[in-house]
């Protein structure tokens, strides 16, 4: 039988295999990357909550325009907005829909409209989304046989 000292000496001198250490290092980097990505999106959300010079944040204004324009939304306008935000990835679709709906509502109210129309939806989508999304919009409008030339001045801004 081996003595206790010999067994402890054997256990303490053996190093973990290199594949195990490499996998620990790999998953450590993956976790750091995921935490960085999550932190980036949390920081963007934090910036939206900060109040502007008028005392309201960007999210406050979005909520204001959505609530104020709620009676103007028809089922047809809601369905059209749902089609517009379809290419947005699922986890972000509700947030994108809310911010676009706020811009559409603002445009409809400023036009003193009785209801939100496709025209308001297209203008609001152009104003609320980055330029990289305009290509999808133009393809979508062509499929629906809607002329986008009246909105060219907004697209070219």
N, C-alpha and C. Protein backbone atom coordinates (compact mmCIF):
# COMPACT_ATOMS: atom_id res chain seq x y z
N UNK A 1 0.82 -1.17 0.00
CA UNK A 1 0.00 0.00 0.00
C UNK A 1 0.87 1.24 0.00
N UNK A 2 0.43 2.23 -0.78
CA UNK A 2 1.21 3.46 -0.88
C UNK A 2 0.89 4.35 0.31
N UNK A 3 1.88 5.13 0.64
CA UNK A 3 1.65 6.06 1.76
C UNK A 3 0.84 7.26 1.28
N UNK A 4 0.23 7.98 2.20
CA UNK A 4 -0.60 9.13 1.88
C UNK A 4 0.23 10.21 1.19
N UNK A 5 1.44 10.40 1.60
CA UNK A 5 2.30 11.41 0.99
C UNK A 5 2.57 11.14 -0.46
N UNK A 6 2.76 9.85 -0.81
CA UNK A 6 3.02 9.50 -2.20
C UNK A 6 1.80 9.78 -3.07
N UNK A 7 0.60 9.51 -2.57
CA UNK A 7 -0.63 9.75 -3.34
C UNK A 7 -0.84 11.25 -3.53
N UNK A 8 -0.65 12.05 -2.49
CA UNK A 8 -0.81 13.49 -2.60
C UNK A 8 0.22 14.09 -3.54
N UNK A 9 1.42 13.57 -3.52
CA UNK A 9 2.46 14.05 -4.42
C UNK A 9 2.09 13.78 -5.87
N UNK A 10 1.50 12.61 -6.12
CA UNK A 10 1.08 12.26 -7.47
C UNK A 10 -0.05 13.17 -7.95
N UNK A 11 -1.03 13.44 -7.10
CA UNK A 11 -2.17 14.26 -7.48
C UNK A 11 -1.77 15.72 -7.71
N UNK A 12 -0.90 16.25 -6.90
CA UNK A 12 -0.54 17.65 -7.02
C UNK A 12 0.39 17.91 -8.20
N UNK A 13 1.11 16.90 -8.65
CA UNK A 13 2.06 17.13 -9.73
C UNK A 13 1.43 16.96 -11.12
N UNK A 14 0.24 16.38 -11.20
CA UNK A 14 -0.35 16.18 -12.52
C UNK A 14 -1.10 17.44 -12.95
N UNK A 15 -0.79 17.91 -14.14
CA UNK A 15 -1.44 19.12 -14.69
C UNK A 15 -2.61 18.68 -15.56
N UNK A 16 -3.64 19.50 -15.66
CA UNK A 16 -4.77 19.14 -16.53
C UNK A 16 -4.30 19.08 -17.98
N UNK A 17 -4.96 18.28 -18.77
CA UNK A 17 -4.57 18.17 -20.19
C UNK A 17 -4.70 19.52 -20.91
N UNK A 18 -3.92 19.70 -21.94
CA UNK A 18 -3.92 20.99 -22.65
C UNK A 18 -5.26 21.24 -23.34
N UNK A 19 -5.95 20.22 -23.83
CA UNK A 19 -7.25 20.43 -24.48
C UNK A 19 -8.26 21.02 -23.49
N UNK A 20 -8.15 20.59 -22.24
CA UNK A 20 -9.06 21.11 -21.21
C UNK A 20 -8.78 22.58 -20.94
N UNK A 21 -7.54 22.95 -20.84
CA UNK A 21 -7.18 24.35 -20.60
C UNK A 21 -7.57 25.21 -21.81
N UNK A 22 -7.39 24.69 -23.02
CA UNK A 22 -7.79 25.42 -24.22
C UNK A 22 -9.30 25.63 -24.27
N UNK A 23 -10.05 24.61 -23.88
CA UNK A 23 -11.51 24.77 -23.90
C UNK A 23 -11.96 25.77 -22.84
N UNK A 24 -11.31 25.80 -21.69
CA UNK A 24 -11.63 26.79 -20.65
C UNK A 24 -11.34 28.20 -21.19
N UNK A 25 -10.19 28.36 -21.84
CA UNK A 25 -9.83 29.67 -22.40
C UNK A 25 -10.82 30.07 -23.50
N UNK A 26 -11.19 29.14 -24.37
CA UNK A 26 -12.14 29.43 -25.44
C UNK A 26 -13.48 29.90 -24.88
N UNK A 27 -14.03 29.17 -23.93
CA UNK A 27 -15.33 29.54 -23.36
C UNK A 27 -15.24 30.83 -22.55
N UNK A 28 -14.08 31.09 -21.98
CA UNK A 28 -13.89 32.37 -21.30
C UNK A 28 -14.00 33.53 -22.27
N UNK A 29 -13.38 33.41 -23.44
CA UNK A 29 -13.46 34.46 -24.46
C UNK A 29 -14.88 34.58 -25.01
N UNK A 30 -15.55 33.46 -25.21
CA UNK A 30 -16.94 33.49 -25.69
C UNK A 30 -17.82 34.24 -24.68
N UNK A 31 -17.66 33.93 -23.40
CA UNK A 31 -18.46 34.59 -22.38
C UNK A 31 -18.16 36.09 -22.32
N UNK A 32 -16.90 36.46 -22.42
CA UNK A 32 -16.55 37.88 -22.44
C UNK A 32 -17.17 38.59 -23.65
N UNK A 33 -17.14 37.93 -24.80
CA UNK A 33 -17.74 38.51 -26.01
C UNK A 33 -19.24 38.69 -25.86
N UNK A 34 -19.91 37.68 -25.34
CA UNK A 34 -21.37 37.79 -25.15
C UNK A 34 -21.72 38.85 -24.13
N UNK A 35 -20.94 38.96 -23.08
CA UNK A 35 -21.20 40.00 -22.08
C UNK A 35 -20.96 41.38 -22.69
N UNK A 36 -19.97 41.52 -23.55
CA UNK A 36 -19.72 42.80 -24.22
C UNK A 36 -20.86 43.19 -25.14
N UNK A 37 -21.38 42.22 -25.90
CA UNK A 37 -22.50 42.49 -26.79
C UNK A 37 -23.74 42.89 -25.97
N UNK A 38 -24.03 42.15 -24.93
CA UNK A 38 -25.16 42.48 -24.07
C UNK A 38 -25.01 43.85 -23.42
N UNK A 39 -23.80 44.16 -22.99
CA UNK A 39 -23.54 45.46 -22.39
C UNK A 39 -23.75 46.59 -23.38
N UNK A 40 -23.36 46.36 -24.63
CA UNK A 40 -23.56 47.38 -25.66
C UNK A 40 -25.04 47.70 -25.82
N UNK A 41 -25.89 46.66 -25.92
CA UNK A 41 -27.32 46.89 -26.10
C UNK A 41 -27.95 47.50 -24.84
N UNK A 42 -27.46 47.10 -23.67
CA UNK A 42 -27.99 47.71 -22.44
C UNK A 42 -27.61 49.18 -22.37
N UNK A 43 -26.40 49.52 -22.81
CA UNK A 43 -25.96 50.92 -22.79
C UNK A 43 -26.79 51.75 -23.76
N UNK A 44 -27.11 51.19 -24.95
CA UNK A 44 -27.97 51.91 -25.90
C UNK A 44 -29.34 52.17 -25.30
N UNK A 45 -29.89 51.18 -24.61
CA UNK A 45 -31.19 51.34 -23.97
C UNK A 45 -31.10 52.41 -22.88
N UNK A 46 -29.99 52.42 -22.13
CA UNK A 46 -29.78 53.41 -21.09
C UNK A 46 -29.76 54.82 -21.68
N UNK A 47 -29.12 55.00 -22.84
CA UNK A 47 -29.06 56.31 -23.48
C UNK A 47 -30.44 56.79 -23.92
N UNK A 48 -31.33 55.85 -24.30
CA UNK A 48 -32.68 56.24 -24.69
C UNK A 48 -33.50 56.73 -23.51
N UNK A 49 -33.15 56.31 -22.31
CA UNK A 49 -33.93 56.66 -21.11
C UNK A 49 -33.47 58.00 -20.53
N UNK A 50 -32.29 58.47 -20.90
CA UNK A 50 -31.80 59.73 -20.37
C UNK A 50 -32.66 60.90 -20.87
N UNK A 51 -33.02 61.82 -19.99
CA UNK A 51 -33.84 62.95 -20.44
C UNK A 51 -33.07 63.90 -21.34
N UNK A 52 -33.81 64.48 -22.30
CA UNK A 52 -33.24 65.47 -23.20
C UNK A 52 -33.42 66.86 -22.58
N UNK A 53 -33.17 67.90 -23.35
CA UNK A 53 -33.27 69.27 -22.85
C UNK A 53 -34.70 69.62 -22.41
N UNK A 54 -35.70 68.99 -23.05
CA UNK A 54 -37.09 69.29 -22.69
C UNK A 54 -37.57 68.52 -21.47
N UNK A 55 -36.73 67.66 -20.91
CA UNK A 55 -37.09 66.92 -19.71
C UNK A 55 -37.65 65.53 -19.97
N UNK A 56 -37.92 65.20 -21.24
CA UNK A 56 -38.44 63.88 -21.58
C UNK A 56 -37.39 63.10 -22.35
N UNK A 57 -37.38 61.80 -22.14
CA UNK A 57 -36.43 60.94 -22.85
C UNK A 57 -37.01 60.53 -24.20
N UNK A 58 -36.18 59.88 -25.01
CA UNK A 58 -36.63 59.39 -26.31
C UNK A 58 -37.77 58.38 -26.13
N UNK A 59 -37.66 57.51 -25.13
CA UNK A 59 -38.72 56.54 -24.87
C UNK A 59 -40.01 57.23 -24.41
N UNK A 60 -39.89 58.29 -23.62
CA UNK A 60 -41.08 59.03 -23.20
C UNK A 60 -41.82 59.60 -24.41
N UNK A 61 -41.06 60.16 -25.35
CA UNK A 61 -41.68 60.73 -26.55
C UNK A 61 -42.31 59.64 -27.41
N UNK A 62 -41.63 58.50 -27.52
CA UNK A 62 -42.21 57.40 -28.30
C UNK A 62 -43.55 56.97 -27.68
N UNK A 63 -43.57 56.79 -26.37
CA UNK A 63 -44.81 56.40 -25.70
C UNK A 63 -45.89 57.45 -25.88
N UNK A 64 -45.51 58.72 -25.81
CA UNK A 64 -46.46 59.81 -25.99
C UNK A 64 -47.12 59.74 -27.36
N UNK A 65 -46.30 59.60 -28.43
CA UNK A 65 -46.85 59.60 -29.78
C UNK A 65 -47.67 58.34 -30.05
N UNK A 66 -47.27 57.22 -29.49
CA UNK A 66 -48.04 55.99 -29.68
C UNK A 66 -49.41 56.11 -29.01
N UNK A 67 -49.42 56.60 -27.78
CA UNK A 67 -50.69 56.74 -27.05
C UNK A 67 -51.59 57.80 -27.68
N UNK A 68 -51.02 58.89 -28.11
CA UNK A 68 -51.81 59.97 -28.69
C UNK A 68 -52.41 59.56 -30.04
N UNK A 69 -51.71 58.72 -30.79
CA UNK A 69 -52.20 58.31 -32.11
C UNK A 69 -52.98 57.00 -32.08
N UNK A 70 -53.11 56.37 -30.94
CA UNK A 70 -53.79 55.07 -30.86
C UNK A 70 -55.18 55.07 -31.51
N UNK A 71 -56.03 56.09 -31.30
CA UNK A 71 -57.36 56.06 -31.94
C UNK A 71 -57.32 56.20 -33.47
N UNK A 72 -56.20 56.64 -34.01
CA UNK A 72 -56.11 56.84 -35.47
C UNK A 72 -55.77 55.57 -36.23
N UNK A 73 -55.30 54.54 -35.52
CA UNK A 73 -54.84 53.32 -36.18
C UNK A 73 -56.01 52.46 -36.60
N UNK A 74 -56.03 52.11 -37.89
CA UNK A 74 -57.03 51.19 -38.41
C UNK A 74 -56.41 49.80 -38.50
N UNK A 75 -57.26 48.80 -38.69
CA UNK A 75 -56.74 47.43 -38.83
C UNK A 75 -55.84 47.30 -40.06
N UNK A 76 -56.19 48.02 -41.12
CA UNK A 76 -55.39 47.99 -42.34
C UNK A 76 -54.00 48.59 -42.10
N UNK A 77 -53.93 49.70 -41.36
CA UNK A 77 -52.64 50.34 -41.07
C UNK A 77 -51.79 49.45 -40.16
N UNK A 78 -52.43 48.80 -39.19
CA UNK A 78 -51.69 47.89 -38.30
C UNK A 78 -51.12 46.71 -39.08
N UNK A 79 -51.92 46.16 -40.00
CA UNK A 79 -51.45 45.04 -40.82
C UNK A 79 -50.30 45.48 -41.73
N UNK A 80 -50.39 46.68 -42.26
CA UNK A 80 -49.32 47.20 -43.13
C UNK A 80 -48.03 47.39 -42.33
N UNK A 81 -48.15 47.90 -41.10
CA UNK A 81 -46.97 48.05 -40.23
C UNK A 81 -46.36 46.69 -39.90
N UNK A 82 -47.21 45.70 -39.65
CA UNK A 82 -46.70 44.35 -39.37
C UNK A 82 -45.91 43.81 -40.56
N UNK A 83 -46.37 44.09 -41.77
CA UNK A 83 -45.65 43.65 -42.96
C UNK A 83 -44.32 44.39 -43.10
N UNK A 84 -44.31 45.66 -42.75
CA UNK A 84 -43.08 46.45 -42.87
C UNK A 84 -41.99 45.96 -41.92
N UNK A 85 -42.37 45.54 -40.72
CA UNK A 85 -41.36 45.12 -39.73
C UNK A 85 -41.07 43.63 -39.79
N UNK A 86 -41.64 42.92 -40.75
CA UNK A 86 -41.44 41.48 -40.86
C UNK A 86 -39.97 41.07 -40.97
N UNK A 87 -39.10 41.79 -41.71
CA UNK A 87 -37.71 41.33 -41.81
C UNK A 87 -36.87 41.57 -40.56
N UNK A 88 -37.38 42.31 -39.59
CA UNK A 88 -36.63 42.55 -38.35
C UNK A 88 -36.60 41.24 -37.56
N UNK A 89 -35.44 40.85 -37.03
CA UNK A 89 -35.36 39.61 -36.24
C UNK A 89 -36.35 39.62 -35.08
N UNK A 90 -36.92 38.48 -34.80
CA UNK A 90 -37.97 38.31 -33.81
C UNK A 90 -37.75 39.01 -32.47
N UNK A 91 -36.57 38.82 -31.84
CA UNK A 91 -36.38 39.44 -30.52
C UNK A 91 -36.43 40.97 -30.54
N UNK A 92 -36.17 41.58 -31.69
CA UNK A 92 -36.12 43.04 -31.78
C UNK A 92 -37.36 43.62 -32.46
N UNK A 93 -38.24 42.77 -32.96
CA UNK A 93 -39.38 43.23 -33.76
C UNK A 93 -40.32 44.14 -32.98
N UNK A 94 -40.64 43.78 -31.75
CA UNK A 94 -41.58 44.61 -30.96
C UNK A 94 -41.01 46.00 -30.70
N UNK A 95 -39.73 46.06 -30.39
CA UNK A 95 -39.09 47.35 -30.13
C UNK A 95 -39.07 48.20 -31.40
N UNK A 96 -38.72 47.57 -32.52
CA UNK A 96 -38.69 48.30 -33.79
C UNK A 96 -40.09 48.76 -34.17
N UNK A 97 -41.07 47.90 -33.97
CA UNK A 97 -42.46 48.24 -34.30
C UNK A 97 -42.93 49.43 -33.47
N UNK A 98 -42.57 49.44 -32.20
CA UNK A 98 -42.98 50.54 -31.31
C UNK A 98 -42.35 51.86 -31.74
N UNK A 99 -41.06 51.85 -32.05
CA UNK A 99 -40.41 53.11 -32.43
C UNK A 99 -40.90 53.60 -33.79
N UNK A 100 -41.17 52.68 -34.72
CA UNK A 100 -41.70 53.08 -36.03
C UNK A 100 -43.13 53.58 -35.89
N UNK A 101 -43.93 52.91 -35.06
CA UNK A 101 -45.32 53.32 -34.84
C UNK A 101 -45.37 54.71 -34.21
N UNK A 102 -44.42 55.02 -33.33
CA UNK A 102 -44.37 56.35 -32.72
C UNK A 102 -44.12 57.41 -33.78
N UNK A 103 -43.21 57.16 -34.69
CA UNK A 103 -42.93 58.12 -35.76
C UNK A 103 -44.11 58.26 -36.71
N UNK A 104 -44.75 57.14 -37.02
CA UNK A 104 -45.93 57.18 -37.89
C UNK A 104 -47.04 57.99 -37.22
N UNK A 105 -47.26 57.73 -35.94
CA UNK A 105 -48.28 58.47 -35.20
C UNK A 105 -48.00 59.96 -35.16
N UNK A 106 -46.74 60.31 -34.96
CA UNK A 106 -46.35 61.72 -34.94
C UNK A 106 -46.66 62.39 -36.28
N UNK A 107 -46.32 61.71 -37.37
CA UNK A 107 -46.57 62.26 -38.71
C UNK A 107 -48.07 62.40 -38.95
N UNK A 108 -48.86 61.39 -38.56
CA UNK A 108 -50.30 61.44 -38.77
C UNK A 108 -50.94 62.57 -37.97
N UNK A 109 -50.51 62.76 -36.73
CA UNK A 109 -51.07 63.82 -35.90
C UNK A 109 -50.68 65.19 -36.43
N UNK A 110 -49.43 65.33 -36.85
CA UNK A 110 -49.00 66.62 -37.40
C UNK A 110 -49.69 66.95 -38.72
N UNK A 111 -50.15 65.92 -39.45
CA UNK A 111 -50.92 66.13 -40.68
C UNK A 111 -52.40 66.36 -40.39
N UNK A 112 -52.80 66.30 -39.13
CA UNK A 112 -54.20 66.43 -38.71
C UNK A 112 -55.07 65.40 -39.43
N UNK A 113 -54.57 64.17 -39.51
CA UNK A 113 -55.28 63.11 -40.22
C UNK A 113 -56.37 62.52 -39.33
N UNK A 114 -57.38 61.99 -39.98
CA UNK A 114 -58.48 61.31 -39.27
C UNK A 114 -58.11 59.86 -38.97
N UNK A 115 -57.18 59.30 -39.77
CA UNK A 115 -56.74 57.92 -39.59
C UNK A 115 -55.33 57.78 -40.16
N UNK A 116 -54.61 56.78 -39.68
CA UNK A 116 -53.28 56.48 -40.20
C UNK A 116 -53.45 55.76 -41.53
N UNK A 117 -52.75 56.24 -42.55
CA UNK A 117 -52.83 55.66 -43.89
C UNK A 117 -51.52 54.98 -44.26
N UNK A 118 -51.51 54.32 -45.40
CA UNK A 118 -50.28 53.71 -45.90
C UNK A 118 -49.22 54.78 -46.15
N UNK A 119 -49.67 55.94 -46.60
CA UNK A 119 -48.75 57.05 -46.84
C UNK A 119 -48.03 57.43 -45.54
N UNK A 120 -48.76 57.53 -44.45
CA UNK A 120 -48.13 57.84 -43.16
C UNK A 120 -47.17 56.73 -42.73
N UNK A 121 -47.59 55.48 -42.98
CA UNK A 121 -46.74 54.34 -42.59
C UNK A 121 -45.42 54.36 -43.35
N UNK A 122 -45.48 54.65 -44.63
CA UNK A 122 -44.25 54.67 -45.44
C UNK A 122 -43.35 55.82 -45.01
N UNK A 123 -43.92 57.00 -44.83
CA UNK A 123 -43.12 58.15 -44.38
C UNK A 123 -42.51 57.88 -43.01
N UNK A 124 -43.30 57.36 -42.09
CA UNK A 124 -42.81 57.06 -40.74
C UNK A 124 -41.72 56.01 -40.74
N UNK A 125 -41.87 55.00 -41.60
CA UNK A 125 -40.85 53.96 -41.70
C UNK A 125 -39.53 54.55 -42.19
N UNK A 126 -39.61 55.41 -43.20
CA UNK A 126 -38.39 56.01 -43.75
C UNK A 126 -37.70 56.87 -42.70
N UNK A 127 -38.48 57.68 -41.97
CA UNK A 127 -37.89 58.58 -40.97
C UNK A 127 -37.33 57.80 -39.78
N UNK A 128 -37.99 56.72 -39.39
CA UNK A 128 -37.61 56.00 -38.17
C UNK A 128 -36.51 54.96 -38.37
N UNK A 129 -36.22 54.58 -39.60
CA UNK A 129 -35.25 53.51 -39.82
C UNK A 129 -33.97 54.04 -40.46
N UNK A 130 -32.86 53.32 -40.26
CA UNK A 130 -31.60 53.74 -40.89
C UNK A 130 -31.62 53.48 -42.39
N UNK A 131 -30.71 54.12 -43.10
CA UNK A 131 -30.66 54.03 -44.56
C UNK A 131 -30.49 52.59 -45.06
N UNK A 132 -29.84 51.76 -44.29
CA UNK A 132 -29.59 50.39 -44.76
C UNK A 132 -30.89 49.60 -44.95
N UNK A 133 -31.98 50.06 -44.33
CA UNK A 133 -33.27 49.37 -44.46
C UNK A 133 -34.09 49.86 -45.65
N UNK A 134 -33.65 50.91 -46.31
CA UNK A 134 -34.42 51.47 -47.42
C UNK A 134 -34.51 50.51 -48.61
N UNK A 135 -33.47 49.71 -48.80
CA UNK A 135 -33.48 48.76 -49.92
C UNK A 135 -34.63 47.77 -49.75
N UNK A 136 -34.80 47.28 -48.53
CA UNK A 136 -35.93 46.38 -48.27
C UNK A 136 -37.25 47.09 -48.54
N UNK A 137 -37.37 48.33 -48.09
CA UNK A 137 -38.61 49.08 -48.27
C UNK A 137 -38.95 49.24 -49.75
N UNK A 138 -37.95 49.59 -50.56
CA UNK A 138 -38.20 49.77 -51.99
C UNK A 138 -38.62 48.45 -52.64
N UNK A 139 -37.98 47.34 -52.27
CA UNK A 139 -38.37 46.03 -52.80
C UNK A 139 -39.80 45.68 -52.36
N UNK A 140 -40.11 45.95 -51.11
CA UNK A 140 -41.44 45.68 -50.57
C UNK A 140 -42.50 46.49 -51.31
N UNK A 141 -42.23 47.78 -51.53
CA UNK A 141 -43.20 48.63 -52.22
C UNK A 141 -43.38 48.20 -53.67
N UNK A 142 -42.30 47.75 -54.32
CA UNK A 142 -42.41 47.26 -55.70
C UNK A 142 -43.29 46.01 -55.75
N UNK A 143 -43.12 45.10 -54.79
CA UNK A 143 -43.95 43.89 -54.75
C UNK A 143 -45.42 44.24 -54.54
N UNK A 144 -45.67 45.25 -53.72
CA UNK A 144 -47.05 45.68 -53.44
C UNK A 144 -47.58 46.62 -54.51
N UNK A 145 -46.74 46.93 -55.51
CA UNK A 145 -47.08 47.84 -56.62
C UNK A 145 -47.46 49.22 -56.10
N UNK A 146 -46.67 49.71 -55.17
CA UNK A 146 -46.84 51.06 -54.63
C UNK A 146 -45.68 51.90 -55.14
N UNK A 147 -45.98 53.03 -55.73
CA UNK A 147 -44.96 53.93 -56.27
C UNK A 147 -44.24 54.63 -55.12
N UNK A 148 -42.91 54.50 -55.09
CA UNK A 148 -42.14 55.13 -54.01
C UNK A 148 -41.49 56.44 -54.45
N UNK A 149 -41.76 56.90 -55.64
CA UNK A 149 -41.18 58.17 -56.09
C UNK A 149 -41.61 59.37 -55.24
N UNK A 150 -42.86 59.43 -54.73
CA UNK A 150 -43.21 60.57 -53.87
C UNK A 150 -42.40 60.64 -52.57
N UNK A 151 -41.75 59.55 -52.22
CA UNK A 151 -40.97 59.50 -50.97
C UNK A 151 -39.47 59.60 -51.23
N UNK A 152 -39.11 59.82 -52.49
CA UNK A 152 -37.69 59.86 -52.87
C UNK A 152 -36.93 60.94 -52.11
N UNK A 153 -37.55 62.08 -51.84
CA UNK A 153 -36.87 63.16 -51.11
C UNK A 153 -36.53 62.74 -49.67
N UNK A 154 -37.35 61.89 -49.07
CA UNK A 154 -37.05 61.37 -47.72
C UNK A 154 -35.94 60.32 -47.75
N UNK A 155 -35.97 59.50 -48.81
CA UNK A 155 -34.97 58.43 -48.94
C UNK A 155 -33.59 59.01 -49.21
N UNK A 156 -33.51 60.09 -49.95
CA UNK A 156 -32.23 60.68 -50.33
C UNK A 156 -31.63 61.57 -49.25
N UNK A 157 -32.33 61.83 -48.15
CA UNK A 157 -31.80 62.69 -47.09
C UNK A 157 -30.54 62.13 -46.50
